[in-house]
Amino acid sequence: MNALQMARSAYATSAPTRPPRTVEYDAFARITERLSRAATSGTHFPALAVALTDNLRLWTLLAADVANRENSLPDSLRARIFYLADFTRTHTRKVLRNAATPEALVEINLAVMRGLRAGDDAR
């Protein structure tokens, strides 16, 4: 049993208090706000590095989730999410080397947040 399955089974008996989309949206919102704030301050690299690391962790979790065969999202969406996770990993390295700016990462997160909100509106 992998870590994701163990976590799911540990919480399987408790009733969810918020819909998964809301939890995902909130995670993106918190990280994106910190990433955006750190990017615009321009003077506090440690805060930017922490925000970049947290953003990368989020995208790594998403990539692991969509790589799971049991994920119920359409294959095309799973592939796009996996691609974005790969792009995020590559672009984060560039930002940390001061070879790129984090704005693309912020824009990607904002687009995902809009998609999550649009999915809520469709319900």
N, C-alpha and C. Protein backbone atom coordinates (compact mmCIF):
# COMPACT_ATOMS: atom_id res chain seq x y z
N MET A 1 0.86 -1.17 0.00
CA MET A 1 0.00 0.00 0.00
C MET A 1 0.90 1.24 0.00
N ASN A 2 0.65 2.16 -0.95
CA ASN A 2 1.47 3.37 -0.99
C ASN A 2 0.94 4.42 -0.02
N ALA A 3 1.69 5.51 0.12
CA ALA A 3 1.35 6.55 1.10
C ALA A 3 -0.01 7.17 0.83
N LEU A 4 -0.32 7.40 -0.44
CA LEU A 4 -1.61 8.00 -0.78
C LEU A 4 -2.77 7.09 -0.38
N GLN A 5 -2.63 5.80 -0.65
CA GLN A 5 -3.67 4.85 -0.27
C GLN A 5 -3.80 4.76 1.25
N MET A 6 -2.67 4.81 1.95
CA MET A 6 -2.73 4.75 3.41
C MET A 6 -3.42 5.98 3.98
N ALA A 7 -3.14 7.14 3.40
CA ALA A 7 -3.79 8.36 3.87
C ALA A 7 -5.29 8.31 3.61
N ARG A 8 -5.65 7.84 2.43
CA ARG A 8 -7.08 7.74 2.11
C ARG A 8 -7.79 6.77 3.05
N SER A 9 -7.16 5.63 3.32
CA SER A 9 -7.81 4.66 4.19
C SER A 9 -7.89 5.16 5.63
N ALA A 10 -6.93 5.94 6.06
CA ALA A 10 -6.94 6.47 7.42
C ALA A 10 -8.11 7.42 7.64
N TYR A 11 -8.47 8.14 6.60
CA TYR A 11 -9.55 9.12 6.73
C TYR A 11 -10.86 8.64 6.11
N ALA A 12 -10.89 7.41 5.66
CA ALA A 12 -12.08 6.89 4.98
C ALA A 12 -13.30 6.84 5.89
N THR A 13 -13.10 6.67 7.17
CA THR A 13 -14.24 6.55 8.07
C THR A 13 -14.80 7.91 8.49
N SER A 14 -14.04 8.97 8.30
CA SER A 14 -14.55 10.28 8.68
C SER A 14 -15.26 10.91 7.50
N ALA A 15 -16.34 11.58 7.78
CA ALA A 15 -17.12 12.23 6.72
C ALA A 15 -16.40 13.49 6.27
N PRO A 16 -16.32 13.71 4.95
CA PRO A 16 -15.66 14.93 4.47
C PRO A 16 -16.49 16.15 4.88
N THR A 17 -15.78 17.18 5.29
CA THR A 17 -16.48 18.39 5.71
C THR A 17 -16.58 19.40 4.58
N ARG A 18 -15.70 19.28 3.58
CA ARG A 18 -15.74 20.19 2.45
C ARG A 18 -15.56 19.39 1.17
N PRO A 19 -16.17 19.82 0.09
CA PRO A 19 -15.99 19.11 -1.19
C PRO A 19 -14.52 19.15 -1.63
N PRO A 20 -14.06 18.11 -2.31
CA PRO A 20 -12.66 18.06 -2.76
C PRO A 20 -12.24 19.27 -3.60
N ARG A 21 -13.13 19.74 -4.47
CA ARG A 21 -12.78 20.91 -5.30
C ARG A 21 -12.50 22.13 -4.43
N THR A 22 -13.24 22.28 -3.36
CA THR A 22 -13.04 23.42 -2.47
C THR A 22 -11.69 23.31 -1.77
N VAL A 23 -11.33 22.11 -1.35
CA VAL A 23 -10.04 21.89 -0.71
C VAL A 23 -8.91 22.19 -1.69
N GLU A 24 -9.06 21.70 -2.93
CA GLU A 24 -8.04 21.96 -3.96
C GLU A 24 -7.94 23.46 -4.24
N TYR A 25 -9.07 24.11 -4.40
CA TYR A 25 -9.08 25.55 -4.68
C TYR A 25 -8.37 26.30 -3.55
N ASP A 26 -8.71 25.98 -2.32
CA ASP A 26 -8.10 26.66 -1.18
C ASP A 26 -6.58 26.46 -1.14
N ALA A 27 -6.12 25.26 -1.44
CA ALA A 27 -4.68 25.00 -1.46
C ALA A 27 -4.01 25.85 -2.53
N PHE A 28 -4.60 25.88 -3.72
CA PHE A 28 -4.05 26.71 -4.79
C PHE A 28 -4.09 28.19 -4.41
N ALA A 29 -5.17 28.62 -3.80
CA ALA A 29 -5.31 30.04 -3.44
C ALA A 29 -4.23 30.45 -2.43
N ARG A 30 -4.03 29.64 -1.41
CA ARG A 30 -3.02 29.98 -0.40
C ARG A 30 -1.62 30.04 -1.00
N ILE A 31 -1.27 29.03 -1.76
CA ILE A 31 0.07 28.96 -2.33
C ILE A 31 0.27 30.05 -3.38
N THR A 32 -0.73 30.27 -4.22
CA THR A 32 -0.61 31.28 -5.27
C THR A 32 -0.48 32.68 -4.68
N GLU A 33 -1.22 32.94 -3.62
CA GLU A 33 -1.12 34.26 -2.97
C GLU A 33 0.28 34.47 -2.42
N ARG A 34 0.85 33.47 -1.76
CA ARG A 34 2.20 33.57 -1.22
C ARG A 34 3.24 33.70 -2.32
N LEU A 35 3.04 32.93 -3.39
CA LEU A 35 3.96 32.98 -4.52
C LEU A 35 3.92 34.35 -5.19
N SER A 36 2.73 34.86 -5.39
CA SER A 36 2.57 36.17 -6.01
C SER A 36 3.17 37.27 -5.14
N ARG A 37 2.90 37.22 -3.85
CA ARG A 37 3.43 38.23 -2.93
C ARG A 37 4.96 38.19 -2.92
N ALA A 38 5.53 37.00 -2.85
CA ALA A 38 6.99 36.87 -2.82
C ALA A 38 7.60 37.33 -4.14
N ALA A 39 6.91 37.07 -5.24
CA ALA A 39 7.43 37.45 -6.55
C ALA A 39 7.44 38.96 -6.73
N THR A 40 6.42 39.63 -6.21
CA THR A 40 6.33 41.08 -6.40
C THR A 40 7.19 41.85 -5.42
N SER A 41 7.53 41.25 -4.28
CA SER A 41 8.38 41.96 -3.33
C SER A 41 9.79 42.09 -3.88
N GLY A 42 10.26 41.06 -4.56
CA GLY A 42 11.55 41.10 -5.23
C GLY A 42 12.77 41.23 -4.34
N THR A 43 12.59 41.37 -3.06
CA THR A 43 13.74 41.58 -2.20
C THR A 43 13.97 40.45 -1.21
N HIS A 44 13.05 39.54 -1.08
CA HIS A 44 13.15 38.51 -0.06
C HIS A 44 13.18 37.13 -0.72
N PHE A 45 14.36 36.74 -1.21
CA PHE A 45 14.48 35.48 -1.93
C PHE A 45 14.09 34.27 -1.09
N PRO A 46 14.42 34.22 0.21
CA PRO A 46 14.00 33.04 0.98
C PRO A 46 12.49 32.81 0.98
N ALA A 47 11.70 33.88 1.04
CA ALA A 47 10.24 33.72 0.99
C ALA A 47 9.80 33.19 -0.37
N LEU A 48 10.44 33.66 -1.42
CA LEU A 48 10.13 33.16 -2.76
C LEU A 48 10.49 31.69 -2.88
N ALA A 49 11.65 31.32 -2.35
CA ALA A 49 12.08 29.91 -2.42
C ALA A 49 11.11 29.00 -1.68
N VAL A 50 10.63 29.44 -0.52
CA VAL A 50 9.66 28.63 0.24
C VAL A 50 8.35 28.52 -0.54
N ALA A 51 7.86 29.62 -1.10
CA ALA A 51 6.62 29.59 -1.88
C ALA A 51 6.77 28.70 -3.11
N LEU A 52 7.91 28.78 -3.77
CA LEU A 52 8.17 27.92 -4.94
C LEU A 52 8.18 26.45 -4.54
N THR A 53 8.79 26.15 -3.41
CA THR A 53 8.86 24.77 -2.93
C THR A 53 7.47 24.25 -2.59
N ASP A 54 6.67 25.06 -1.93
CA ASP A 54 5.30 24.65 -1.60
C ASP A 54 4.47 24.44 -2.87
N ASN A 55 4.65 25.33 -3.84
CA ASN A 55 3.93 25.18 -5.11
C ASN A 55 4.35 23.89 -5.81
N LEU A 56 5.63 23.61 -5.80
CA LEU A 56 6.13 22.39 -6.43
C LEU A 56 5.59 21.15 -5.72
N ARG A 57 5.49 21.20 -4.40
CA ARG A 57 4.90 20.07 -3.65
C ARG A 57 3.45 19.83 -4.08
N LEU A 58 2.70 20.91 -4.21
CA LEU A 58 1.30 20.78 -4.64
C LEU A 58 1.22 20.12 -6.01
N TRP A 59 2.03 20.59 -6.94
CA TRP A 59 2.00 20.03 -8.29
C TRP A 59 2.52 18.59 -8.32
N THR A 60 3.45 18.26 -7.45
CA THR A 60 3.94 16.89 -7.36
C THR A 60 2.83 15.96 -6.87
N LEU A 61 2.06 16.42 -5.88
CA LEU A 61 0.91 15.64 -5.40
C LEU A 61 -0.12 15.45 -6.51
N LEU A 62 -0.38 16.51 -7.27
CA LEU A 62 -1.34 16.40 -8.37
C LEU A 62 -0.85 15.41 -9.42
N ALA A 63 0.43 15.49 -9.75
CA ALA A 63 0.99 14.56 -10.75
C ALA A 63 0.88 13.12 -10.28
N ALA A 64 1.17 12.89 -9.00
CA ALA A 64 1.06 11.53 -8.46
C ALA A 64 -0.38 11.05 -8.51
N ASP A 65 -1.30 11.94 -8.22
CA ASP A 65 -2.71 11.58 -8.21
C ASP A 65 -3.20 11.23 -9.62
N VAL A 66 -2.85 12.04 -10.61
CA VAL A 66 -3.34 11.75 -11.96
C VAL A 66 -2.59 10.59 -12.61
N ALA A 67 -1.42 10.24 -12.08
CA ALA A 67 -0.70 9.08 -12.60
C ALA A 67 -1.30 7.77 -12.10
N ASN A 68 -2.10 7.85 -11.04
CA ASN A 68 -2.74 6.67 -10.49
C ASN A 68 -3.81 6.17 -11.46
N ARG A 69 -3.76 4.90 -11.79
CA ARG A 69 -4.72 4.31 -12.74
C ARG A 69 -6.16 4.42 -12.26
N GLU A 70 -6.35 4.53 -10.97
CA GLU A 70 -7.70 4.60 -10.42
C GLU A 70 -8.29 6.01 -10.45
N ASN A 71 -7.50 6.99 -10.89
CA ASN A 71 -8.00 8.36 -10.99
C ASN A 71 -9.12 8.40 -12.02
N SER A 72 -10.24 9.02 -11.66
CA SER A 72 -11.42 8.99 -12.53
C SER A 72 -11.51 10.15 -13.51
N LEU A 73 -10.54 11.04 -13.51
CA LEU A 73 -10.57 12.14 -14.49
C LEU A 73 -10.35 11.58 -15.89
N PRO A 74 -10.86 12.27 -16.91
CA PRO A 74 -10.61 11.84 -18.29
C PRO A 74 -9.10 11.82 -18.58
N ASP A 75 -8.70 10.87 -19.41
CA ASP A 75 -7.28 10.71 -19.72
C ASP A 75 -6.65 12.01 -20.25
N SER A 76 -7.37 12.75 -21.08
CA SER A 76 -6.80 13.97 -21.65
C SER A 76 -6.54 15.02 -20.56
N LEU A 77 -7.43 15.12 -19.60
CA LEU A 77 -7.24 16.06 -18.51
C LEU A 77 -6.09 15.61 -17.60
N ARG A 78 -6.03 14.33 -17.35
CA ARG A 78 -4.93 13.79 -16.54
C ARG A 78 -3.59 14.09 -17.21
N ALA A 79 -3.52 13.93 -18.52
CA ALA A 79 -2.28 14.20 -19.25
C ALA A 79 -1.91 15.68 -19.18
N ARG A 80 -2.90 16.56 -19.29
CA ARG A 80 -2.62 18.00 -19.22
C ARG A 80 -2.13 18.39 -17.83
N ILE A 81 -2.73 17.83 -16.80
CA ILE A 81 -2.29 18.13 -15.43
C ILE A 81 -0.86 17.62 -15.22
N PHE A 82 -0.58 16.44 -15.72
CA PHE A 82 0.77 15.89 -15.59
C PHE A 82 1.78 16.77 -16.33
N TYR A 83 1.41 17.24 -17.52
CA TYR A 83 2.29 18.14 -18.28
C TYR A 83 2.54 19.43 -17.50
N LEU A 84 1.49 20.00 -16.92
CA LEU A 84 1.65 21.24 -16.14
C LEU A 84 2.55 21.01 -14.93
N ALA A 85 2.44 19.85 -14.31
CA ALA A 85 3.32 19.53 -13.18
C ALA A 85 4.77 19.46 -13.64
N ASP A 86 4.99 18.87 -14.80
CA ASP A 86 6.35 18.79 -15.35
C ASP A 86 6.87 20.18 -15.69
N PHE A 87 6.03 21.01 -16.32
CA PHE A 87 6.42 22.38 -16.62
C PHE A 87 6.74 23.14 -15.34
N THR A 88 5.92 22.97 -14.31
CA THR A 88 6.14 23.65 -13.04
C THR A 88 7.48 23.27 -12.44
N ARG A 89 7.81 22.00 -12.49
CA ARG A 89 9.10 21.53 -11.97
C ARG A 89 10.26 22.19 -12.73
N THR A 90 10.18 22.18 -14.04
CA THR A 90 11.24 22.76 -14.87
C THR A 90 11.35 24.27 -14.66
N HIS A 91 10.20 24.94 -14.67
CA HIS A 91 10.21 26.40 -14.54
C HIS A 91 10.65 26.83 -13.13
N THR A 92 10.29 26.07 -12.12
CA THR A 92 10.71 26.38 -10.76
C THR A 92 12.23 26.37 -10.65
N ARG A 93 12.87 25.40 -11.28
CA ARG A 93 14.33 25.35 -11.27
C ARG A 93 14.91 26.61 -11.90
N LYS A 94 14.31 27.05 -12.99
CA LYS A 94 14.79 28.27 -13.66
C LYS A 94 14.64 29.49 -12.76
N VAL A 95 13.50 29.57 -12.08
CA VAL A 95 13.27 30.71 -11.18
C VAL A 95 14.29 30.69 -10.05
N LEU A 96 14.55 29.54 -9.51
CA LEU A 96 15.51 29.43 -8.41
C LEU A 96 16.93 29.79 -8.85
N ARG A 97 17.22 29.58 -10.13
CA ARG A 97 18.53 29.97 -10.68
C ARG A 97 18.53 31.42 -11.17
N ASN A 98 17.42 32.11 -10.98
CA ASN A 98 17.25 33.49 -11.43
C ASN A 98 17.32 33.60 -12.96
N ALA A 99 16.90 32.53 -13.65
CA ALA A 99 16.89 32.51 -15.10
C ALA A 99 15.48 32.72 -15.65
N ALA A 100 14.50 32.88 -14.76
CA ALA A 100 13.11 33.12 -15.16
C ALA A 100 12.39 33.77 -13.99
N THR A 101 11.20 34.28 -14.28
CA THR A 101 10.38 34.88 -13.23
C THR A 101 9.24 33.91 -12.89
N PRO A 102 8.66 34.06 -11.71
CA PRO A 102 7.59 33.14 -11.30
C PRO A 102 6.21 33.47 -11.86
N GLU A 103 6.09 34.50 -12.67
CA GLU A 103 4.77 34.91 -13.15
C GLU A 103 4.03 33.80 -13.90
N ALA A 104 4.74 32.99 -14.68
CA ALA A 104 4.09 31.90 -15.41
C ALA A 104 3.47 30.90 -14.44
N LEU A 105 4.14 30.64 -13.34
CA LEU A 105 3.61 29.71 -12.34
C LEU A 105 2.36 30.27 -11.68
N VAL A 106 2.37 31.56 -11.41
CA VAL A 106 1.19 32.22 -10.84
C VAL A 106 0.03 32.14 -11.82
N GLU A 107 0.29 32.42 -13.09
CA GLU A 107 -0.77 32.38 -14.11
C GLU A 107 -1.36 30.98 -14.27
N ILE A 108 -0.52 29.97 -14.24
CA ILE A 108 -1.01 28.59 -14.34
C ILE A 108 -1.91 28.28 -13.15
N ASN A 109 -1.46 28.63 -11.96
CA ASN A 109 -2.28 28.37 -10.76
C ASN A 109 -3.61 29.10 -10.83
N LEU A 110 -3.59 30.36 -11.28
CA LEU A 110 -4.84 31.12 -11.39
C LEU A 110 -5.79 30.47 -12.40
N ALA A 111 -5.24 29.96 -13.49
CA ALA A 111 -6.07 29.28 -14.49
C ALA A 111 -6.70 28.01 -13.90
N VAL A 112 -5.93 27.27 -13.13
CA VAL A 112 -6.47 26.07 -12.48
C VAL A 112 -7.56 26.47 -11.50
N MET A 113 -7.34 27.53 -10.76
CA MET A 113 -8.34 28.00 -9.80
C MET A 113 -9.63 28.39 -10.51
N ARG A 114 -9.51 29.06 -11.67
CA ARG A 114 -10.71 29.42 -12.45
C ARG A 114 -11.44 28.15 -12.90
N GLY A 115 -10.68 27.14 -13.31
CA GLY A 115 -11.27 25.88 -13.72
C GLY A 115 -11.98 25.18 -12.58
N LEU A 116 -11.37 25.21 -11.41
CA LEU A 116 -12.03 24.59 -10.25
C LEU A 116 -13.31 25.33 -9.88
N ARG A 117 -13.31 26.64 -9.97
CA ARG A 117 -14.52 27.43 -9.69
C ARG A 117 -15.59 27.18 -10.74
N ALA A 118 -15.17 27.08 -12.01
CA ALA A 118 -16.12 26.83 -13.08
C ALA A 118 -16.77 25.47 -12.89
N GLY A 119 -16.02 24.49 -12.43
CA GLY A 119 -16.57 23.17 -12.14
C GLY A 119 -17.58 23.21 -11.04
N ASP A 120 -17.37 24.06 -10.04
CA ASP A 120 -18.34 24.22 -8.96
C ASP A 120 -19.63 24.86 -9.48
N ASP A 121 -19.48 25.82 -10.39
CA ASP A 121 -20.66 26.50 -10.94
C ASP A 121 -21.50 25.56 -11.81
N ALA A 122 -20.86 24.55 -12.39
CA ALA A 122 -21.58 23.62 -13.26
C ALA A 122 -22.45 22.65 -12.47
N ARG A 123 -22.24 22.57 -11.20
CA ARG A 123 -22.99 21.61 -10.37
C ARG A 123 -24.35 22.10 -10.04
